[in-house]
Amino acid sequence: MGDDGAMDKIKGKAREMKGKATGDRSEQAKGKGEQMKGGAKEAMGDMRDKDDNAMESVRRDDNRDDNRE
């Protein structure tokens, strides 16, 4: 998932630079939008990773409690 976000950011930066080089403000804006989309995808991936880590921690704690009984 993180690769998708990084790829969107790279493509967006290239599109933005193309817009700057040609003086096309619309292309620049689309490129910035793609970069933002990539950043959002990366943030969602990070949140999922943190959620997975938290759930794994809870499972480990539950297993420790089960072993104590």
PDB file of N, CA and C in Angstrom:
ATOM      1  N   MET A   1       0.817  -1.189   0.000  1.00  0.00           N
ATOM      2  CA  MET A   1       0.000   0.000   0.000  1.00  0.00           C
ATOM      3  C   MET A   1       0.865   1.258   0.000  1.00  0.00           C
ATOM      4  N   GLY A   2       1.930   1.259   0.783  1.00  0.00           N
ATOM      5  CA  GLY A   2       2.799   2.422   0.850  1.00  0.00           C
ATOM      6  C   GLY A   2       3.443   2.742  -0.490  1.00  0.00           C
ATOM      7  N   ASP A   3       3.681   1.717  -1.286  1.00  0.00           N
ATOM      8  CA  ASP A   3       4.265   1.925  -2.602  1.00  0.00           C
ATOM      9  C   ASP A   3       3.331   2.722  -3.493  1.00  0.00           C
ATOM     10  N   ASP A   4       2.023   2.481  -3.384  1.00  0.00           N
ATOM     11  CA  ASP A   4       1.053   3.240  -4.177  1.00  0.00           C
ATOM     12  C   ASP A   4       1.132   4.721  -3.837  1.00  0.00           C
ATOM     13  N   GLY A   5       1.222   5.024  -2.567  1.00  0.00           N
ATOM     14  CA  GLY A   5       1.300   6.421  -2.141  1.00  0.00           C
ATOM     15  C   GLY A   5       2.566   7.090  -2.639  1.00  0.00           C
ATOM     16  N   ALA A   6       3.677   6.392  -2.520  1.00  0.00           N
ATOM     17  CA  ALA A   6       4.951   6.946  -2.981  1.00  0.00           C
ATOM     18  C   ALA A   6       4.929   7.162  -4.488  1.00  0.00           C
ATOM     19  N   MET A   7       4.327   6.219  -5.209  1.00  0.00           N
ATOM     20  CA  MET A   7       4.257   6.342  -6.661  1.00  0.00           C
ATOM     21  C   MET A   7       3.386   7.543  -7.051  1.00  0.00           C
ATOM     22  N   ASP A   8       2.273   7.735  -6.361  1.00  0.00           N
ATOM     23  CA  ASP A   8       1.417   8.892  -6.643  1.00  0.00           C
ATOM     24  C   ASP A   8       2.169  10.194  -6.387  1.00  0.00           C
ATOM     25  N   LYS A   9       2.958  10.224  -5.322  1.00  0.00           N
ATOM     26  CA  LYS A   9       3.722  11.434  -5.016  1.00  0.00           C
ATOM     27  C   LYS A   9       4.757  11.719  -6.103  1.00  0.00           C
ATOM     28  N   ILE A  10       5.412  10.676  -6.588  1.00  0.00           N
ATOM     29  CA  ILE A  10       6.427  10.845  -7.645  1.00  0.00           C
ATOM     30  C   ILE A  10       5.772  11.311  -8.943  1.00  0.00           C
ATOM     31  N   LYS A  11       4.686  10.648  -9.310  1.00  0.00           N
ATOM     32  CA  LYS A  11       3.985  11.035 -10.538  1.00  0.00           C
ATOM     33  C   LYS A  11       3.451  12.459 -10.429  1.00  0.00           C
ATOM     34  N   GLY A  12       2.937  12.794  -9.257  1.00  0.00           N
ATOM     35  CA  GLY A  12       2.420  14.136  -9.051  1.00  0.00           C
ATOM     36  C   GLY A  12       3.499  15.197  -9.170  1.00  0.00           C
ATOM     37  N   LYS A  13       4.668  14.905  -8.622  1.00  0.00           N
ATOM     38  CA  LYS A  13       5.772  15.865  -8.697  1.00  0.00           C
ATOM     39  C   LYS A  13       6.197  16.058 -10.149  1.00  0.00           C
ATOM     40  N   ALA A  14       6.253  14.955 -10.894  1.00  0.00           N
ATOM     41  CA  ALA A  14       6.616  15.046 -12.317  1.00  0.00           C
ATOM     42  C   ALA A  14       5.582  15.869 -13.081  1.00  0.00           C
ATOM     43  N   ARG A  15       4.324  15.642 -12.790  1.00  0.00           N
ATOM     44  CA  ARG A  15       3.244  16.385 -13.463  1.00  0.00           C
ATOM     45  C   ARG A  15       3.311  17.871 -13.103  1.00  0.00           C
ATOM     46  N   GLU A  16       3.590  18.157 -11.840  1.00  0.00           N
ATOM     47  CA  GLU A  16       3.724  19.541 -11.410  1.00  0.00           C
ATOM     48  C   GLU A  16       4.883  20.219 -12.138  1.00  0.00           C
ATOM     49  N   MET A  17       6.019  19.546 -12.239  1.00  0.00           N
ATOM     50  CA  MET A  17       7.193  20.108 -12.916  1.00  0.00           C
ATOM     51  C   MET A  17       6.901  20.333 -14.406  1.00  0.00           C
ATOM     52  N   LYS A  18       6.181  19.386 -15.011  1.00  0.00           N
ATOM     53  CA  LYS A  18       5.790  19.541 -16.416  1.00  0.00           C
ATOM     54  C   LYS A  18       4.937  20.795 -16.575  1.00  0.00           C
ATOM     55  N   GLY A  19       4.002  20.990 -15.651  1.00  0.00           N
ATOM     56  CA  GLY A  19       3.155  22.174 -15.684  1.00  0.00           C
ATOM     57  C   GLY A  19       3.948  23.455 -15.529  1.00  0.00           C
ATOM     58  N   LYS A  20       4.940  23.430 -14.637  1.00  0.00           N
ATOM     59  CA  LYS A  20       5.788  24.616 -14.450  1.00  0.00           C
ATOM     60  C   LYS A  20       6.590  24.912 -15.714  1.00  0.00           C
ATOM     61  N   ALA A  21       7.121  23.851 -16.324  1.00  0.00           N
ATOM     62  CA  ALA A  21       7.950  24.016 -17.512  1.00  0.00           C
ATOM     63  C   ALA A  21       7.155  24.553 -18.700  1.00  0.00           C
ATOM     64  N   THR A  22       5.896  24.144 -18.795  1.00  0.00           N
ATOM     65  CA  THR A  22       5.066  24.569 -19.933  1.00  0.00           C
ATOM     66  C   THR A  22       4.183  25.767 -19.604  1.00  0.00           C
ATOM     67  N   GLY A  23       4.190  26.200 -18.351  1.00  0.00           N
ATOM     68  CA  GLY A  23       3.358  27.324 -17.953  1.00  0.00           C
ATOM     69  C   GLY A  23       1.883  26.954 -17.812  1.00  0.00           C
ATOM     70  N   ASP A  24       1.609  25.671 -17.660  1.00  0.00           N
ATOM     71  CA  ASP A  24       0.229  25.183 -17.552  1.00  0.00           C
ATOM     72  C   ASP A  24      -0.143  25.050 -16.073  1.00  0.00           C
ATOM     73  N   ARG A  25      -0.855  26.051 -15.559  1.00  0.00           N
ATOM     74  CA  ARG A  25      -1.216  26.064 -14.142  1.00  0.00           C
ATOM     75  C   ARG A  25      -2.146  24.908 -13.774  1.00  0.00           C
ATOM     76  N   SER A  26      -2.994  24.514 -14.712  1.00  0.00           N
ATOM     77  CA  SER A  26      -3.913  23.399 -14.463  1.00  0.00           C
ATOM     78  C   SER A  26      -3.124  22.112 -14.228  1.00  0.00           C
ATOM     79  N   GLU A  27      -2.104  21.896 -15.035  1.00  0.00           N
ATOM     80  CA  GLU A  27      -1.263  20.698 -14.889  1.00  0.00           C
ATOM     81  C   GLU A  27      -0.510  20.747 -13.562  1.00  0.00           C
ATOM     82  N   GLN A  28      -0.050  21.930 -13.176  1.00  0.00           N
ATOM     83  CA  GLN A  28       0.627  22.085 -11.893  1.00  0.00           C
ATOM     84  C   GLN A  28      -0.314  21.712 -10.752  1.00  0.00           C
ATOM     85  N   ALA A  29      -1.529  22.212 -10.819  1.00  0.00           N
ATOM     86  CA  ALA A  29      -2.502  21.935  -9.760  1.00  0.00           C
ATOM     87  C   ALA A  29      -2.838  20.449  -9.699  1.00  0.00           C
ATOM     88  N   LYS A  30      -2.976  19.818 -10.851  1.00  0.00           N
ATOM     89  CA  LYS A  30      -3.258  18.374 -10.879  1.00  0.00           C
ATOM     90  C   LYS A  30      -2.096  17.599 -10.258  1.00  0.00           C
ATOM     91  N   GLY A  31      -0.887  18.045 -10.541  1.00  0.00           N
ATOM     92  CA  GLY A  31       0.289  17.394  -9.965  1.00  0.00           C
ATOM     93  C   GLY A  31       0.322  17.522  -8.453  1.00  0.00           C
ATOM     94  N   LYS A  32       0.003  18.706  -7.953  1.00  0.00           N
ATOM     95  CA  LYS A  32      -0.034  18.905  -6.505  1.00  0.00           C
ATOM     96  C   LYS A  32      -1.128  18.048  -5.879  1.00  0.00           C
ATOM     97  N   GLY A  33      -2.246  17.924  -6.588  1.00  0.00           N
ATOM     98  CA  GLY A  33      -3.329  17.067  -6.102  1.00  0.00           C
ATOM     99  C   GLY A  33      -2.907  15.619  -6.002  1.00  0.00           C
ATOM    100  N   GLU A  34      -2.171  15.147  -7.010  1.00  0.00           N
ATOM    101  CA  GLU A  34      -1.673  13.763  -6.980  1.00  0.00           C
ATOM    102  C   GLU A  34      -0.711  13.554  -5.812  1.00  0.00           C
ATOM    103  N   GLN A  35       0.112  14.554  -5.548  1.00  0.00           N
ATOM    104  CA  GLN A  35       1.048  14.448  -4.423  1.00  0.00           C
ATOM    105  C   GLN A  35       0.289  14.354  -3.102  1.00  0.00           C
ATOM    106  N   MET A  36      -0.770  15.139  -2.979  1.00  0.00           N
ATOM    107  CA  MET A  36      -1.583  15.098  -1.760  1.00  0.00           C
ATOM    108  C   MET A  36      -2.265  13.729  -1.625  1.00  0.00           C
ATOM    109  N   LYS A  37      -2.747  13.212  -2.724  1.00  0.00           N
ATOM    110  CA  LYS A  37      -3.379  11.891  -2.727  1.00  0.00           C
ATOM    111  C   LYS A  37      -2.365  10.837  -2.262  1.00  0.00           C
ATOM    112  N   GLY A  38      -1.142  10.928  -2.763  1.00  0.00           N
ATOM    113  CA  GLY A  38      -0.097  10.000  -2.343  1.00  0.00           C
ATOM    114  C   GLY A  38       0.208  10.109  -0.863  1.00  0.00           C
ATOM    115  N   GLY A  39       0.261  11.327  -0.364  1.00  0.00           N
ATOM    116  CA  GLY A  39       0.506  11.537   1.064  1.00  0.00           C
ATOM    117  C   GLY A  39      -0.612  10.948   1.912  1.00  0.00           C
ATOM    118  N   ALA A  40      -1.843  11.098   1.437  1.00  0.00           N
ATOM    119  CA  ALA A  40      -2.985  10.540   2.170  1.00  0.00           C
ATOM    120  C   ALA A  40      -2.927   9.018   2.189  1.00  0.00           C
ATOM    121  N   LYS A  41      -2.558   8.418   1.059  1.00  0.00           N
ATOM    122  CA  LYS A  41      -2.436   6.954   1.003  1.00  0.00           C
ATOM    123  C   LYS A  41      -1.359   6.466   1.978  1.00  0.00           C
ATOM    124  N   GLU A  42      -0.242   7.189   2.018  1.00  0.00           N
ATOM    125  CA  GLU A  42       0.825   6.811   2.946  1.00  0.00           C
ATOM    126  C   GLU A  42       0.363   6.939   4.393  1.00  0.00           C
ATOM    127  N   ALA A  43      -0.361   8.003   4.702  1.00  0.00           N
ATOM    128  CA  ALA A  43      -0.859   8.203   6.062  1.00  0.00           C
ATOM    129  C   ALA A  43      -1.825   7.086   6.454  1.00  0.00           C
ATOM    130  N   MET A  44      -2.694   6.693   5.539  1.00  0.00           N
ATOM    131  CA  MET A  44      -3.631   5.595   5.818  1.00  0.00           C
ATOM    132  C   MET A  44      -2.873   4.294   6.066  1.00  0.00           C
ATOM    133  N   GLY A  45      -1.840   4.059   5.273  1.00  0.00           N
ATOM    134  CA  GLY A  45      -1.032   2.861   5.470  1.00  0.00           C
ATOM    135  C   GLY A  45      -0.350   2.860   6.828  1.00  0.00           C
ATOM    136  N   ASP A  46       0.160   4.025   7.232  1.00  0.00           N
ATOM    137  CA  ASP A  46       0.799   4.147   8.549  1.00  0.00           C
ATOM    138  C   ASP A  46      -0.206   3.876   9.665  1.00  0.00           C
ATOM    139  N   MET A  47      -1.420   4.407   9.499  1.00  0.00           N
ATOM    140  CA  MET A  47      -2.450   4.192  10.520  1.00  0.00           C
ATOM    141  C   MET A  47      -2.819   2.706  10.610  1.00  0.00           C
ATOM    142  N   ARG A  48      -2.912   2.053   9.463  1.00  0.00           N
ATOM    143  CA  ARG A  48      -3.222   0.622   9.470  1.00  0.00           C
ATOM    144  C   ARG A  48      -2.121  -0.166  10.175  1.00  0.00           C
ATOM    145  N   ASP A  49      -0.869   0.206   9.901  1.00  0.00           N
ATOM    146  CA  ASP A  49       0.255  -0.473  10.552  1.00  0.00           C
ATOM    147  C   ASP A  49       0.189  -0.298  12.063  1.00  0.00           C
ATOM    148  N   LYS A  50      -0.095   0.907  12.515  1.00  0.00           N
ATOM    149  CA  LYS A  50      -0.185   1.164  13.958  1.00  0.00           C
ATOM    150  C   LYS A  50      -1.335   0.382  14.570  1.00  0.00           C
ATOM    151  N   ASP A  51      -2.458   0.315  13.854  1.00  0.00           N
ATOM    152  CA  ASP A  51      -3.609  -0.449  14.336  1.00  0.00           C
ATOM    153  C   ASP A  51      -3.253  -1.934  14.438  1.00  0.00           C
ATOM    154  N   ASP A  52      -2.595  -2.451  13.418  1.00  0.00           N
ATOM    155  CA  ASP A  52      -2.182  -3.863  13.444  1.00  0.00           C
ATOM    156  C   ASP A  52      -1.243  -4.135  14.610  1.00  0.00           C
ATOM    157  N   ASN A  53      -0.308  -3.220  14.839  1.00  0.00           N
ATOM    158  CA  ASN A  53       0.638  -3.389  15.946  1.00  0.00           C
ATOM    159  C   ASN A  53      -0.078  -3.352  17.290  1.00  0.00           C
ATOM    160  N   ALA A  54      -1.042  -2.454  17.422  1.00  0.00           N
ATOM    161  CA  ALA A  54      -1.792  -2.359  18.675  1.00  0.00           C
ATOM    162  C   ALA A  54      -2.596  -3.635  18.916  1.00  0.00           C
ATOM    163  N   MET A  55      -3.231  -4.142  17.876  1.00  0.00           N
ATOM    164  CA  MET A  55      -4.020  -5.371  18.010  1.00  0.00           C
ATOM    165  C   MET A  55      -3.122  -6.554  18.375  1.00  0.00           C
ATOM    166  N   GLU A  56      -1.940  -6.615  17.787  1.00  0.00           N
ATOM    167  CA  GLU A  56      -1.007  -7.696  18.108  1.00  0.00           C
ATOM    168  C   GLU A  56      -0.577  -7.604  19.566  1.00  0.00           C
ATOM    169  N   SER A  57      -0.358  -6.392  20.062  1.00  0.00           N
ATOM    170  CA  SER A  57       0.019  -6.193  21.454  1.00  0.00           C
ATOM    171  C   SER A  57      -1.091  -6.669  22.391  1.00  0.00           C
ATOM    172  N   VAL A  58      -2.329  -6.358  22.039  1.00  0.00           N
ATOM    173  CA  VAL A  58      -3.463  -6.796  22.852  1.00  0.00           C
ATOM    174  C   VAL A  58      -3.545  -8.323  22.864  1.00  0.00           C
ATOM    175  N   ARG A  59      -3.338  -8.929  21.703  1.00  0.00           N
ATOM    176  CA  ARG A  59      -3.373 -10.402  21.633  1.00  0.00           C
ATOM    177  C   ARG A  59      -2.293 -11.023  22.522  1.00  0.00           C
ATOM    178  N   ARG A  60      -1.094 -10.431  22.479  1.00  0.00           N
ATOM    179  CA  ARG A  60      -0.011 -10.960  23.321  1.00  0.00           C
ATOM    180  C   ARG A  60      -0.373 -10.839  24.796  1.00  0.00           C
ATOM    181  N   ASP A  61      -0.938  -9.697  25.173  1.00  0.00           N
ATOM    182  CA  ASP A  61      -1.346  -9.502  26.565  1.00  0.00           C
ATOM    183  C   ASP A  61      -2.419 -10.505  26.969  1.00  0.00           C
ATOM    184  N   ASP A  62      -3.370 -10.746  26.079  1.00  0.00           N
ATOM    185  CA  ASP A  62      -4.413 -11.736  26.360  1.00  0.00           C
ATOM    186  C   ASP A  62      -3.824 -13.123  26.546  1.00  0.00           C
ATOM    187  N   ASN A  63      -2.846 -13.461  25.730  1.00  0.00           N
ATOM    188  CA  ASN A  63      -2.202 -14.778  25.848  1.00  0.00           C
ATOM    189  C   ASN A  63      -1.447 -14.902  27.155  1.00  0.00           C
ATOM    190  N   ARG A  64      -0.814 -13.834  27.594  1.00  0.00           N
ATOM    191  CA  ARG A  64      -0.100 -13.879  28.886  1.00  0.00           C
ATOM    192  C   ARG A  64      -1.086 -14.094  30.020  1.00  0.00           C
ATOM    193  N   ASP A  65      -2.226 -13.412  29.957  1.00  0.00           N
ATOM    194  CA  ASP A  65      -3.244 -13.580  30.993  1.00  0.00           C
ATOM    195  C   ASP A  65      -3.789 -14.995  31.009  1.00  0.00           C
ATOM    196  N   ASP A  66      -3.985 -15.591  29.836  1.00  0.00           N
ATOM    197  CA  ASP A  66      -4.486 -16.956  29.742  1.00  0.00           C
ATOM    198  C   ASP A  66      -3.500 -17.954  30.362  1.00  0.00           C
ATOM    199  N   ASN A  67      -2.219 -17.690  30.199  1.00  0.00           N
ATOM    200  CA  ASN A  67      -1.198 -18.598  30.734  1.00  0.00           C
ATOM    201  C   ASN A  67      -1.075 -18.509  32.247  1.00  0.00           C
ATOM    202  N   ARG A  68      -1.507 -17.415  32.828  1.00  0.00           N
ATOM    203  CA  ARG A  68      -1.403 -17.235  34.270  1.00  0.00           C
ATOM    204  C   ARG A  68      -2.508 -17.969  35.013  1.00  0.00           C
ATOM    205  N   GLU A  69      -3.585 -18.245  34.325  1.00  0.00           N
ATOM    206  CA  GLU A  69      -4.726 -18.879  35.011  1.00  0.00           C
ATOM    207  C   GLU A  69      -4.502 -20.334  35.258  1.00  0.00           C
TER     208      GLU A  69
END
